Amino acid sequence: MADITIYSSDYCPFCIRAKQLLNSKGVNYQEIVVDGKPAVRAEMARRAGRTSVPQIWINDTHVGGCDDLMALDRSGKLDRMLAG
């Protein structure tokens, strides 16, 4: 099983959509909520090169945000990545 990390915000509809997709795949993930945590958001931005949430990693690969995750799913690549 893949090691998945998602930086998110409780108020972000894109974060909710990304987590719903991952939940529908039946995978576990580590969620790191950035709300009210500027140091955690800064760490995410440093790792991702982006400041928006969600930011998602599968294993050591940064896949990007919600739209990127959805595109991987549509192309059939997400399931292969999740298989690890």
Protein backbone atom coordinates (compact mmCIF):
# COMPACT_ATOMS: atom_id res chain seq x y z
CA MET A 1 0.00 0.00 0.00
CA ALA A 2 1.20 3.48 -0.83
CA ASP A 3 2.26 6.05 1.75
CA ILE A 4 0.00 9.08 1.21
CA THR A 5 0.27 12.51 2.80
CA ILE A 6 -2.20 15.32 2.23
CA TYR A 7 -1.83 18.85 3.57
CA SER A 8 -5.32 20.28 3.88
CA SER A 9 -7.66 22.82 5.40
CA ASP A 10 -10.95 21.96 7.06
CA TYR A 11 -12.69 24.73 5.07
CA CYS A 12 -11.35 23.91 1.61
CA PRO A 13 -13.81 22.30 -0.84
CA PHE A 14 -10.91 21.03 -2.96
CA CYS A 15 -9.42 19.31 0.10
CA ILE A 16 -12.77 17.67 0.81
CA ARG A 17 -13.03 16.43 -2.80
CA ALA A 18 -9.49 15.03 -2.75
CA LYS A 19 -10.10 13.21 0.54
CA GLN A 20 -13.42 11.85 -0.77
CA LEU A 21 -11.62 10.39 -3.78
CA LEU A 22 -8.94 8.81 -1.60
CA ASN A 23 -11.60 7.47 0.77
CA SER A 24 -13.50 5.97 -2.17
CA LYS A 25 -10.30 4.11 -3.09
CA GLY A 26 -10.17 2.66 0.42
CA VAL A 27 -6.67 3.94 1.13
CA ASN A 28 -5.28 5.31 4.35
CA TYR A 29 -3.52 8.66 4.34
CA GLN A 30 -1.86 11.01 6.75
CA GLU A 31 -3.69 14.33 6.86
CA ILE A 32 -1.82 17.40 8.01
CA VAL A 33 -4.21 20.30 8.65
CA VAL A 34 -2.64 23.72 8.08
CA ASP A 35 -5.44 25.85 9.58
CA GLY A 36 -4.00 28.32 12.08
CA LYS A 37 -0.52 26.78 11.77
CA PRO A 38 1.69 29.14 9.75
CA ALA A 39 4.81 27.03 10.37
CA VAL A 40 3.09 23.91 9.01
CA ARG A 41 1.80 25.82 5.97
CA ALA A 42 5.32 27.17 5.38
CA GLU A 43 6.72 23.62 5.55
CA MET A 44 4.12 22.52 2.99
CA ALA A 45 4.97 25.44 0.69
CA ARG A 46 8.67 24.65 0.95
CA ARG A 47 8.10 20.98 0.11
CA ALA A 48 5.54 21.57 -2.65
CA GLY A 49 6.64 24.87 -4.12
CA ARG A 50 2.98 25.87 -3.86
CA THR A 51 0.97 27.63 -1.17
CA SER A 52 -2.53 26.34 -1.98
CA VAL A 53 -4.18 23.34 -0.39
CA PRO A 54 -4.50 20.48 -0.79
CA GLN A 55 -0.99 19.34 -1.56
CA ILE A 56 -0.69 15.59 -1.94
CA TRP A 57 2.21 13.16 -1.95
CA ILE A 58 2.01 9.49 -2.87
CA ASN A 59 5.11 7.76 -1.61
CA ASP A 60 7.85 10.29 -2.38
CA THR A 61 6.08 11.76 -5.43
CA HIS A 62 4.40 15.14 -5.13
CA VAL A 63 1.25 14.77 -7.23
CA GLY A 64 0.00 18.31 -6.63
CA GLY A 65 -3.50 19.41 -5.69
CA CYS A 66 -7.05 18.20 -6.14
CA ASP A 67 -7.24 18.80 -9.89
CA ASP A 68 -3.95 16.92 -10.35
CA LEU A 69 -5.24 14.00 -8.27
CA MET A 70 -8.49 13.88 -10.27
CA ALA A 71 -6.54 13.93 -13.55
CA LEU A 72 -4.42 11.00 -12.35
CA ASP A 73 -7.62 9.11 -11.54
CA ARG A 74 -9.18 9.83 -14.93
CA SER A 75 -6.03 8.65 -16.71
CA GLY A 76 -5.94 5.40 -14.73
CA LYS A 77 -2.54 6.22 -13.22
CA LEU A 78 -3.81 6.86 -9.69
CA ASP A 79 -4.72 3.23 -9.02
CA ARG A 80 -1.23 2.12 -10.10
CA MET A 81 0.37 4.71 -7.81
CA LEU A 82 -1.82 3.67 -4.90
CA ALA A 83 -0.90 0.02 -5.40
CA GLY A 84 2.59 1.13 -4.40
